[in-house]
Amino acid sequence: MTAVAAETTVEPVILDGLSAEDYHADRTSISSTGLRKILAPSCPAQFRYDQDHPQPPKREFDLGNAVHAAVLGEGHDIVEIKAGDYKTAAARADKLAAYEAGKVPLLPKEKAQVDAMAEAIRQHPIAGPLFAPGSGIAERSIYWTDAETGIRCRVRPDWLKQLPGLTLCVDLKTCRDASPDAVSKAIRDHGYHQQDPLYIDGIEAAGLGPDGVRFVFVFQQKTAPYLVTVRELNQQSRDIGRAKNQRALRIYADCMATDTWPDWTGPVTEIPQISLPTWAAINEAEEYL
């Protein structure tokens, strides 16, 4: 039902109440995560395989999903498993039942951690007001068509705040290290500089940012005292991310048109050469050549 709504029109579509499972299962459009998988260090072949072979819920994502639900007031339901660990058959069965019901299972110590992390967000002088209850809309799904390639795209802002003269898109990420240096590295490693401009483009295409959109990252550390770093991407990084998105969209459009999903090498007639990483080549050439 949802896929048809997104597929049968080139006009933007805004869906409230769409489940995360239905959103991620949509095959009629591509998300920011999908675009990042098209480009190196991944490749179209890996993207297509992952799309055709969806993975079961990963335990490592449970904490982040639970924190999102606690802070945003929407998302996966949390089920507290009354056990100290998952060593018993009963605890494992309760965990499996929670997953099958689309819920997040948490042990009591994990539930206490989630509650403490949510409280740390609420008490933060910047993040707290950003996520103030009733001040925004959580998990709104937005579909639109990229003008250059004709590809249907989708985004799902964690928290969308429409203020007088400004729309804020606030993205909450839990991480091992929320220091600014670690956050900068995470933006590079995970391609968050592609997520930022795609979300801005989608929000504007849907008419939800008539006076401009600002994308705000909220990174929270998963260890006490659950420190928070709030940052906006600088314009150069955003421009790089948008250029990467456009390249990924063009590659994806070609793959869709030909139903060919190449690996890193693609069709070649000669074996390509490979070199040391640039930094290693410079250092070792200076020493040995």
C-alpha atoms as a PDB file:
ATOM      1  CA  MET A   1       0.000   0.000   0.000  1.00  0.00           C
ATOM      2  CA  THR A   2       2.720   2.450   0.935  1.00  0.00           C
ATOM      3  CA  ALA A   3       4.938   1.488  -1.995  1.00  0.00           C
ATOM      4  CA  VAL A   4       2.084   2.163  -4.419  1.00  0.00           C
ATOM      5  CA  ALA A   5       1.513   5.604  -2.917  1.00  0.00           C
ATOM      6  CA  ALA A   6       5.152   6.467  -3.440  1.00  0.00           C
ATOM      7  CA  GLU A   7       5.434   4.882  -6.875  1.00  0.00           C
ATOM      8  CA  THR A   8       2.392   6.066  -8.771  1.00  0.00           C
ATOM      9  CA  THR A   9       3.199   9.783  -8.806  1.00  0.00           C
ATOM     10  CA  VAL A  10       6.201  11.969  -9.528  1.00  0.00           C
ATOM     11  CA  GLU A  11       4.888  14.516  -7.059  1.00  0.00           C
ATOM     12  CA  PRO A  12       6.295  14.617  -3.514  1.00  0.00           C
ATOM     13  CA  VAL A  13       4.513  12.384  -1.016  1.00  0.00           C
ATOM     14  CA  ILE A  14       4.519  12.930   2.764  1.00  0.00           C
ATOM     15  CA  LEU A  15       3.505   9.959   4.910  1.00  0.00           C
ATOM     16  CA  ASP A  16       2.884  10.096   8.653  1.00  0.00           C
ATOM     17  CA  GLY A  17       2.588   6.943  10.695  1.00  0.00           C
ATOM     18  CA  LEU A  18       4.498   4.747   8.248  1.00  0.00           C
ATOM     19  CA  SER A  19       6.345   1.993  10.111  1.00  0.00           C
ATOM     20  CA  ALA A  20      10.125   1.848   9.956  1.00  0.00           C
ATOM     21  CA  GLU A  21       9.860  -1.668   8.531  1.00  0.00           C
ATOM     22  CA  ASP A  22       7.665  -0.537   5.624  1.00  0.00           C
ATOM     23  CA  TYR A  23       9.869   2.474   5.005  1.00  0.00           C
ATOM     24  CA  HIS A  24      13.076   0.435   4.772  1.00  0.00           C
ATOM     25  CA  ALA A  25      11.404  -2.301   2.696  1.00  0.00           C
ATOM     26  CA  ASP A  26      10.330   0.124  -0.051  1.00  0.00           C
ATOM     27  CA  ARG A  27      11.823  -0.961  -3.406  1.00  0.00           C
ATOM     28  CA  THR A  28      10.324   1.905  -5.446  1.00  0.00           C
ATOM     29  CA  SER A  29      12.764   4.511  -4.130  1.00  0.00           C
ATOM     30  CA  ILE A  30      16.285   4.890  -2.777  1.00  0.00           C
ATOM     31  CA  SER A  31      17.302   6.248   0.602  1.00  0.00           C
ATOM     32  CA  SER A  32      20.413   7.988   1.855  1.00  0.00           C
ATOM     33  CA  THR A  33      21.746   4.660   3.131  1.00  0.00           C
ATOM     34  CA  GLY A  34      21.216   3.145  -0.320  1.00  0.00           C
ATOM     35  CA  LEU A  35      23.021   5.972  -2.093  1.00  0.00           C
ATOM     36  CA  ARG A  36      25.978   5.560   0.242  1.00  0.00           C
ATOM     37  CA  LYS A  37      26.104   1.834  -0.555  1.00  0.00           C
ATOM     38  CA  ILE A  38      26.292   2.572  -4.283  1.00  0.00           C
ATOM     39  CA  LEU A  39      29.621   4.377  -3.901  1.00  0.00           C
ATOM     40  CA  ALA A  40      33.020   3.135  -2.675  1.00  0.00           C
ATOM     41  CA  PRO A  41      33.973   1.561  -0.369  1.00  0.00           C
ATOM     42  CA  SER A  42      30.792  -0.352  -1.237  1.00  0.00           C
ATOM     43  CA  CYS A  43      29.522  -0.898  -4.815  1.00  0.00           C
ATOM     44  CA  PRO A  44      26.265  -1.447  -6.741  1.00  0.00           C
ATOM     45  CA  ALA A  45      26.634  -5.240  -6.555  1.00  0.00           C
ATOM     46  CA  GLN A  46      26.726  -5.098  -2.754  1.00  0.00           C
ATOM     47  CA  PHE A  47      23.782  -2.690  -2.667  1.00  0.00           C
ATOM     48  CA  ARG A  48      21.658  -5.015  -4.792  1.00  0.00           C
ATOM     49  CA  TYR A  49      22.618  -8.095  -2.756  1.00  0.00           C
ATOM     50  CA  ASP A  50      21.761  -6.358   0.516  1.00  0.00           C
ATOM     51  CA  GLN A  51      18.466  -5.194  -0.978  1.00  0.00           C
ATOM     52  CA  ASP A  52      17.573  -8.729  -2.068  1.00  0.00           C
ATOM     53  CA  HIS A  53      18.740 -10.292   1.208  1.00  0.00           C
ATOM     54  CA  PRO A  54      17.524  -8.075   4.074  1.00  0.00           C
ATOM     55  CA  GLN A  55      19.245  -8.853   7.345  1.00  0.00           C
ATOM     56  CA  PRO A  56      17.450  -9.731  10.602  1.00  0.00           C
ATOM     57  CA  PRO A  57      17.526  -7.178  13.431  1.00  0.00           C
ATOM     58  CA  LYS A  58      21.029  -6.628  14.788  1.00  0.00           C
ATOM     59  CA  ARG A  59      21.442  -6.619  18.551  1.00  0.00           C
ATOM     60  CA  GLU A  60      23.900  -3.723  18.281  1.00  0.00           C
ATOM     61  CA  PHE A  61      21.132  -1.456  16.963  1.00  0.00           C
ATOM     62  CA  ASP A  62      18.711  -2.139  19.829  1.00  0.00           C
ATOM     63  CA  LEU A  63      20.128   0.531  22.119  1.00  0.00           C
ATOM     64  CA  GLY A  64      20.057   3.250  19.465  1.00  0.00           C
ATOM     65  CA  ASN A  65      16.508   2.326  18.413  1.00  0.00           C
ATOM     66  CA  ALA A  66      15.377   2.408  22.027  1.00  0.00           C
ATOM     67  CA  VAL A  67      16.986   5.801  22.676  1.00  0.00           C
ATOM     68  CA  HIS A  68      15.283   7.177  19.566  1.00  0.00           C
ATOM     69  CA  ALA A  69      11.919   5.938  20.815  1.00  0.00           C
ATOM     70  CA  ALA A  70      12.504   7.353  24.300  1.00  0.00           C
ATOM     71  CA  VAL A  71      13.601  10.786  23.033  1.00  0.00           C
ATOM     72  CA  LEU A  72      11.263  11.174  20.051  1.00  0.00           C
ATOM     73  CA  GLY A  73       8.226   9.546  21.623  1.00  0.00           C
ATOM     74  CA  GLU A  74       7.761   7.444  18.502  1.00  0.00           C
ATOM     75  CA  GLY A  75       9.413   4.420  16.940  1.00  0.00           C
ATOM     76  CA  HIS A  76       9.955   0.877  18.120  1.00  0.00           C
ATOM     77  CA  ASP A  77       8.085  -0.207  21.221  1.00  0.00           C
ATOM     78  CA  ILE A  78      10.404  -1.266  24.033  1.00  0.00           C
ATOM     79  CA  VAL A  79       9.943  -4.575  25.839  1.00  0.00           C
ATOM     80  CA  GLU A  80      11.816  -5.055  29.097  1.00  0.00           C
ATOM     81  CA  ILE A  81      12.999  -8.654  29.470  1.00  0.00           C
ATOM     82  CA  LYS A  82      12.927  -9.566  33.153  1.00  0.00           C
ATOM     83  CA  ALA A  83      16.288 -11.328  33.236  1.00  0.00           C
ATOM     84  CA  GLY A  84      19.913 -10.580  33.982  1.00  0.00           C
ATOM     85  CA  ASP A  85      21.081 -11.920  30.616  1.00  0.00           C
ATOM     86  CA  TYR A  86      19.981 -14.105  27.728  1.00  0.00           C
ATOM     87  CA  LYS A  87      21.516 -17.341  28.958  1.00  0.00           C
ATOM     88  CA  THR A  88      18.196 -18.983  29.805  1.00  0.00           C
ATOM     89  CA  ALA A  89      15.838 -20.423  27.210  1.00  0.00           C
ATOM     90  CA  ALA A  90      12.974 -18.327  28.586  1.00  0.00           C
ATOM     91  CA  ALA A  91      14.881 -15.053  28.186  1.00  0.00           C
ATOM     92  CA  ARG A  92      15.937 -15.985  24.658  1.00  0.00           C
ATOM     93  CA  ALA A  93      12.349 -16.871  23.771  1.00  0.00           C
ATOM     94  CA  ASP A  94      11.109 -13.531  25.116  1.00  0.00           C
ATOM     95  CA  LYS A  95      13.747 -11.723  23.069  1.00  0.00           C
ATOM     96  CA  LEU A  96      12.764 -13.581  19.893  1.00  0.00           C
ATOM     97  CA  ALA A  97       9.087 -12.854  20.502  1.00  0.00           C
ATOM     98  CA  ALA A  98       9.862  -9.155  20.860  1.00  0.00           C
ATOM     99  CA  TYR A  99      11.760  -9.125  17.562  1.00  0.00           C
ATOM    100  CA  GLU A 100       8.950 -10.978  15.802  1.00  0.00           C
ATOM    101  CA  ALA A 101       6.506  -8.361  17.066  1.00  0.00           C
ATOM    102  CA  GLY A 102       8.700  -5.558  15.729  1.00  0.00           C
ATOM    103  CA  LYS A 103       9.701  -4.432  19.210  1.00  0.00           C
ATOM    104  CA  VAL A 104      13.061  -3.772  20.878  1.00  0.00           C
ATOM    105  CA  PRO A 105      13.975  -6.153  23.722  1.00  0.00           C
ATOM    106  CA  LEU A 106      16.033  -4.687  26.558  1.00  0.00           C
ATOM    107  CA  LEU A 107      17.397  -6.174  29.726  1.00  0.00           C
ATOM    108  CA  PRO A 108      16.681  -4.132  32.883  1.00  0.00           C
ATOM    109  CA  LYS A 109      20.208  -2.713  32.954  1.00  0.00           C
ATOM    110  CA  GLU A 110      19.829  -1.689  29.303  1.00  0.00           C
ATOM    111  CA  LYS A 111      16.436  -0.119  29.959  1.00  0.00           C
ATOM    112  CA  ALA A 112      18.005   1.903  32.788  1.00  0.00           C
ATOM    113  CA  GLN A 113      20.759   3.029  30.411  1.00  0.00           C
ATOM    114  CA  VAL A 114      18.225   4.128  27.774  1.00  0.00           C
ATOM    115  CA  ASP A 115      16.286   6.092  30.379  1.00  0.00           C
ATOM    116  CA  ALA A 116      19.484   7.787  31.552  1.00  0.00           C
ATOM    117  CA  MET A 117      20.496   8.646  27.979  1.00  0.00           C
ATOM    118  CA  ALA A 118      17.076  10.132  27.223  1.00  0.00           C
ATOM    119  CA  GLU A 119      17.246  12.193  30.413  1.00  0.00           C
ATOM    120  CA  ALA A 120      20.726  13.453  29.446  1.00  0.00           C
ATOM    121  CA  ILE A 121      19.281  14.626  26.113  1.00  0.00           C
ATOM    122  CA  ARG A 122      16.397  16.384  27.872  1.00  0.00           C
ATOM    123  CA  GLN A 123      18.798  18.152  30.251  1.00  0.00           C
ATOM    124  CA  HIS A 124      21.217  19.282  27.521  1.00  0.00           C
ATOM    125  CA  PRO A 125      20.979  23.049  26.928  1.00  0.00           C
ATOM    126  CA  ILE A 126      20.825  22.701  23.124  1.00  0.00           C
ATOM    127  CA  ALA A 127      19.555  19.177  22.443  1.00  0.00           C
ATOM    128  CA  GLY A 128      16.820  19.403  25.085  1.00  0.00           C
ATOM    129  CA  PRO A 129      14.937  22.308  23.477  1.00  0.00           C
ATOM    130  CA  LEU A 130      15.497  20.838  20.008  1.00  0.00           C
ATOM    131  CA  PHE A 131      13.635  17.671  21.020  1.00  0.00           C
ATOM    132  CA  ALA A 132      11.063  19.352  23.261  1.00  0.00           C
ATOM    133  CA  PRO A 133       7.863  17.221  23.200  1.00  0.00           C
ATOM    134  CA  GLY A 134       5.238  18.610  20.871  1.00  0.00           C
ATOM    135  CA  SER A 135       7.670  20.951  19.114  1.00  0.00           C
ATOM    136  CA  GLY A 136       8.209  18.724  16.076  1.00  0.00           C
ATOM    137  CA  ILE A 137       7.116  15.650  14.153  1.00  0.00           C
ATOM    138  CA  ALA A 138       9.001  12.367  14.517  1.00  0.00           C
ATOM    139  CA  GLU A 139       9.782   9.849  11.774  1.00  0.00           C
ATOM    140  CA  ARG A 140       7.912  11.552   8.918  1.00  0.00           C
ATOM    141  CA  SER A 141       8.540   9.763   5.595  1.00  0.00           C
ATOM    142  CA  ILE A 142       9.104  11.945   2.532  1.00  0.00           C
ATOM    143  CA  TYR A 143       9.253  10.778  -1.105  1.00  0.00           C
ATOM    144  CA  TRP A 144      10.186  12.882  -4.125  1.00  0.00           C
ATOM    145  CA  THR A 145      11.673  12.528  -7.605  1.00  0.00           C
ATOM    146  CA  ASP A 146      15.195  13.707  -8.382  1.00  0.00           C
ATOM    147  CA  ALA A 147      14.905  16.169 -11.269  1.00  0.00           C
ATOM    148  CA  GLU A 148      18.180  15.201 -12.962  1.00  0.00           C
ATOM    149  CA  THR A 149      17.831  11.411 -13.005  1.00  0.00           C
ATOM    150  CA  GLY A 150      14.112  10.815 -12.513  1.00  0.00           C
ATOM    151  CA  ILE A 151      14.928   8.517  -9.599  1.00  0.00           C
ATOM    152  CA  ARG A 152      12.469   8.324  -6.739  1.00  0.00           C
ATOM    153  CA  CYS A 153      14.163   9.217  -3.432  1.00  0.00           C
ATOM    154  CA  ARG A 154      13.076   9.000   0.185  1.00  0.00           C
ATOM    155  CA  VAL A 155      14.139  10.388   3.567  1.00  0.00           C
ATOM    156  CA  ARG A 156      12.820   9.926   7.091  1.00  0.00           C
ATOM    157  CA  PRO A 157      13.850  12.780   9.396  1.00  0.00           C
ATOM    158  CA  ASP A 158      14.144  11.821  13.047  1.00  0.00           C
ATOM    159  CA  TRP A 159      12.617  15.125  14.132  1.00  0.00           C
ATOM    160  CA  LEU A 160      11.200  17.857  11.912  1.00  0.00           C
ATOM    161  CA  LYS A 161      10.517  21.277  13.449  1.00  0.00           C
ATOM    162  CA  GLN A 162       8.770  23.929  11.376  1.00  0.00           C
ATOM    163  CA  LEU A 163       9.473  27.287  12.992  1.00  0.00           C
ATOM    164  CA  PRO A 164       8.575  30.779  11.777  1.00  0.00           C
ATOM    165  CA  GLY A 165      10.994  31.458   8.927  1.00  0.00           C
ATOM    166  CA  LEU A 166      12.938  28.206   9.355  1.00  0.00           C
ATOM    167  CA  THR A 167      12.605  24.426   9.247  1.00  0.00           C
ATOM    168  CA  LEU A 168      14.936  22.325  11.405  1.00  0.00           C
ATOM    169  CA  CYS A 169      15.755  18.693  10.655  1.00  0.00           C
ATOM    170  CA  VAL A 170      17.306  17.152  13.778  1.00  0.00           C
ATOM    171  CA  ASP A 171      19.093  13.803  13.550  1.00  0.00           C
ATOM    172  CA  LEU A 172      19.935  11.801  16.686  1.00  0.00           C
ATOM    173  CA  LYS A 173      22.855   9.365  16.591  1.00  0.00           C
ATOM    174  CA  THR A 174      24.207   7.249  19.432  1.00  0.00           C
ATOM    175  CA  CYS A 175      27.914   6.484  19.273  1.00  0.00           C
ATOM    176  CA  ARG A 176      30.876   5.143  21.206  1.00  0.00           C
ATOM    177  CA  ASP A 177      32.666   8.495  21.244  1.00  0.00           C
ATOM    178  CA  ALA A 178      30.860  11.831  20.905  1.00  0.00           C
ATOM    179  CA  SER A 179      33.946  14.050  21.056  1.00  0.00           C
ATOM    180  CA  PRO A 180      34.089  16.559  18.169  1.00  0.00           C
ATOM    181  CA  ASP A 181      37.118  14.825  16.597  1.00  0.00           C
ATOM    182  CA  ALA A 182      35.365  11.450  16.714  1.00  0.00           C
ATOM    183  CA  VAL A 183      32.176  12.987  15.331  1.00  0.00           C
ATOM    184  CA  SER A 184      34.096  14.489  12.411  1.00  0.00           C
ATOM    185  CA  LYS A 185      35.603  11.082  11.638  1.00  0.00           C
ATOM    186  CA  ALA A 186      32.204   9.394  11.916  1.00  0.00           C
ATOM    187  CA  ILE A 187      30.748  11.870   9.417  1.00  0.00           C
ATOM    188  CA  ARG A 188      33.446  10.852   6.943  1.00  0.00           C
ATOM    189  CA  ASP A 189      33.366   7.122   7.689  1.00  0.00           C
ATOM    190  CA  HIS A 190      29.582   6.751   7.567  1.00  0.00           C
ATOM    191  CA  GLY A 191      28.854   9.292   4.841  1.00  0.00           C
ATOM    192  CA  TYR A 192      26.730  11.532   7.033  1.00  0.00           C
ATOM    193  CA  HIS A 193      27.757  14.447   4.815  1.00  0.00           C
ATOM    194  CA  GLN A 194      25.615  12.730   2.154  1.00  0.00           C
ATOM    195  CA  GLN A 195      22.674  12.290   4.507  1.00  0.00           C
ATOM    196  CA  ASP A 196      22.571  15.992   5.405  1.00  0.00           C
ATOM    197  CA  PRO A 197      22.045  17.434   1.875  1.00  0.00           C
ATOM    198  CA  LEU A 198      19.715  14.627   0.761  1.00  0.00           C
ATOM    199  CA  TYR A 199      17.421  15.305   3.701  1.00  0.00           C
ATOM    200  CA  ILE A 200      17.524  19.036   3.032  1.00  0.00           C
ATOM    201  CA  ASP A 201      16.715  18.434  -0.646  1.00  0.00           C
ATOM    202  CA  GLY A 202      13.827  16.105   0.197  1.00  0.00           C
ATOM    203  CA  ILE A 203      12.308  18.420   2.782  1.00  0.00           C
ATOM    204  CA  GLU A 204      12.492  21.346   0.382  1.00  0.00           C
ATOM    205  CA  ALA A 205      11.096  19.277  -2.518  1.00  0.00           C
ATOM    206  CA  ALA A 206       8.118  18.340  -0.349  1.00  0.00           C
ATOM    207  CA  GLY A 207       7.432  22.002   0.412  1.00  0.00           C
ATOM    208  CA  LEU A 208       8.208  21.622   4.111  1.00  0.00           C
ATOM    209  CA  GLY A 209      11.032  24.155   4.121  1.00  0.00           C
ATOM    210  CA  PRO A 210       9.682  27.229   2.329  1.00  0.00           C
ATOM    211  CA  ASP A 211      12.067  29.536   4.168  1.00  0.00           C
ATOM    212  CA  GLY A 212      15.088  27.227   4.210  1.00  0.00           C
ATOM    213  CA  VAL A 213      16.153  24.085   6.058  1.00  0.00           C
ATOM    214  CA  ARG A 214      18.921  23.569   8.612  1.00  0.00           C
ATOM    215  CA  PHE A 215      20.092  20.031   9.352  1.00  0.00           C
ATOM    216  CA  VAL A 216      21.390  19.485  12.896  1.00  0.00           C
ATOM    217  CA  PHE A 217      23.298  16.424  14.131  1.00  0.00           C
ATOM    218  CA  VAL A 218      22.919  15.370  17.764  1.00  0.00           C
ATOM    219  CA  PHE A 219      25.555  12.785  18.712  1.00  0.00           C
ATOM    220  CA  GLN A 220      25.264  11.069  22.086  1.00  0.00           C
ATOM    221  CA  GLN A 221      27.880   8.877  23.723  1.00  0.00           C
ATOM    222  CA  LYS A 222      26.654   5.454  24.882  1.00  0.00           C
ATOM    223  CA  THR A 223      28.690   5.447  28.095  1.00  0.00           C
ATOM    224  CA  ALA A 224      28.022   7.509  31.233  1.00  0.00           C
ATOM    225  CA  PRO A 225      27.628  10.414  31.636  1.00  0.00           C
ATOM    226  CA  TYR A 226      26.137  10.121  28.108  1.00  0.00           C
ATOM    227  CA  LEU A 227      27.698  13.304  26.776  1.00  0.00           C
ATOM    228  CA  VAL A 228      26.129  15.094  23.828  1.00  0.00           C
ATOM    229  CA  THR A 229      27.667  16.969  20.899  1.00  0.00           C
ATOM    230  CA  VAL A 230      25.391  19.092  18.684  1.00  0.00           C
ATOM    231  CA  ARG A 231      26.814  20.222  15.346  1.00  0.00           C
ATOM    232  CA  GLU A 232      25.877  21.539  11.893  1.00  0.00           C
ATOM    233  CA  LEU A 233      27.874  20.525   8.824  1.00  0.00           C
ATOM    234  CA  ASN A 234      29.907  23.244   7.137  1.00  0.00           C
ATOM    235  CA  GLN A 235      28.947  24.197   3.588  1.00  0.00           C
ATOM    236  CA  GLN A 236      31.965  22.641   1.855  1.00  0.00           C
ATOM    237  CA  SER A 237      31.261  19.251   3.435  1.00  0.00           C
ATOM    238  CA  ARG A 238      27.595  19.562   2.458  1.00  0.00           C
ATOM    239  CA  ASP A 239      28.555  20.425  -1.136  1.00  0.00           C
ATOM    240  CA  ILE A 240      30.798  17.356  -1.288  1.00  0.00           C
ATOM    241  CA  GLY A 241      28.000  15.200   0.068  1.00  0.00           C
ATOM    242  CA  ARG A 242      25.489  16.538  -2.442  1.00  0.00           C
ATOM    243  CA  ALA A 243      27.935  15.907  -5.318  1.00  0.00           C
ATOM    244  CA  LYS A 244      28.426  12.331  -4.084  1.00  0.00           C
ATOM    245  CA  ASN A 245      24.650  11.883  -3.948  1.00  0.00           C
ATOM    246  CA  GLN A 246      24.293  13.040  -7.541  1.00  0.00           C
ATOM    247  CA  ARG A 247      26.983  10.657  -8.724  1.00  0.00           C
ATOM    248  CA  ALA A 248      25.362   7.791  -6.831  1.00  0.00           C
ATOM    249  CA  LEU A 249      21.971   8.667  -8.333  1.00  0.00           C
ATOM    250  CA  ARG A 250      23.415   8.619 -11.854  1.00  0.00           C
ATOM    251  CA  ILE A 251      25.066   5.242 -11.225  1.00  0.00           C
ATOM    252  CA  TYR A 252      21.868   3.881  -9.721  1.00  0.00           C
ATOM    253  CA  ALA A 253      19.825   5.150 -12.676  1.00  0.00           C
ATOM    254  CA  ASP A 254      22.192   3.379 -15.092  1.00  0.00           C
ATOM    255  CA  CYS A 255      22.020   0.175 -13.056  1.00  0.00           C
ATOM    256  CA  MET A 256      18.224   0.298 -13.028  1.00  0.00           C
ATOM    257  CA  ALA A 257      18.060   0.964 -16.776  1.00  0.00           C
ATOM    258  CA  THR A 258      20.377  -1.934 -17.681  1.00  0.00           C
ATOM    259  CA  ASP A 259      19.694  -4.227 -14.703  1.00  0.00           C
ATOM    260  CA  THR A 260      23.464  -4.474 -14.322  1.00  0.00           C
ATOM    261  CA  TRP A 261      24.978  -4.105 -10.873  1.00  0.00           C
ATOM    262  CA  PRO A 262      28.787  -3.990 -11.145  1.00  0.00           C
ATOM    263  CA  ASP A 263      31.328  -4.593  -8.417  1.00  0.00           C
ATOM    264  CA  TRP A 264      34.283  -2.260  -7.757  1.00  0.00           C
ATOM    265  CA  THR A 265      36.014  -3.129 -11.029  1.00  0.00           C
ATOM    266  CA  GLY A 266      33.177  -3.182 -13.532  1.00  0.00           C
ATOM    267  CA  PRO A 267      33.577  -4.528 -17.079  1.00  0.00           C
ATOM    268  CA  VAL A 268      37.236  -4.378 -18.132  1.00  0.00           C
ATOM    269  CA  THR A 269      39.423  -6.161 -20.664  1.00  0.00           C
ATOM    270  CA  GLU A 270      42.716  -5.650 -18.831  1.00  0.00           C
ATOM    271  CA  ILE A 271      43.650  -6.347 -15.225  1.00  0.00           C
ATOM    272  CA  PRO A 272      43.786  -2.946 -13.486  1.00  0.00           C
ATOM    273  CA  GLN A 273      46.821  -1.846 -11.541  1.00  0.00           C
ATOM    274  CA  ILE A 274      46.644  -0.976  -7.854  1.00  0.00           C
ATOM    275  CA  SER A 275      48.930   1.175  -5.733  1.00  0.00           C
ATOM    276  CA  LEU A 276      49.726   1.847  -2.128  1.00  0.00           C
ATOM    277  CA  PRO A 277      47.475   4.347  -0.390  1.00  0.00           C
ATOM    278  CA  THR A 278      48.576   7.866  -1.378  1.00  0.00           C
ATOM    279  CA  TRP A 279      49.942   8.706   2.081  1.00  0.00           C
ATOM    280  CA  ALA A 280      51.932   5.474   2.243  1.00  0.00           C
ATOM    281  CA  ALA A 281      53.305   5.905  -1.270  1.00  0.00           C
ATOM    282  CA  ILE A 282      54.530   9.418  -0.437  1.00  0.00           C
ATOM    283  CA  ASN A 283      56.123   8.382   2.853  1.00  0.00           C
ATOM    284  CA  GLU A 284      57.801   5.252   1.526  1.00  0.00           C
ATOM    285  CA  ALA A 285      58.952   6.875  -1.710  1.00  0.00           C
ATOM    286  CA  GLU A 286      60.689   9.569   0.315  1.00  0.00           C
ATOM    287  CA  GLU A 287      62.460   6.966   2.430  1.00  0.00           C
ATOM    288  CA  TYR A 288      63.309   4.254  -0.104  1.00  0.00           C
ATOM    289  CA  LEU A 289      63.364   5.876  -3.531  1.00  0.00           C
END
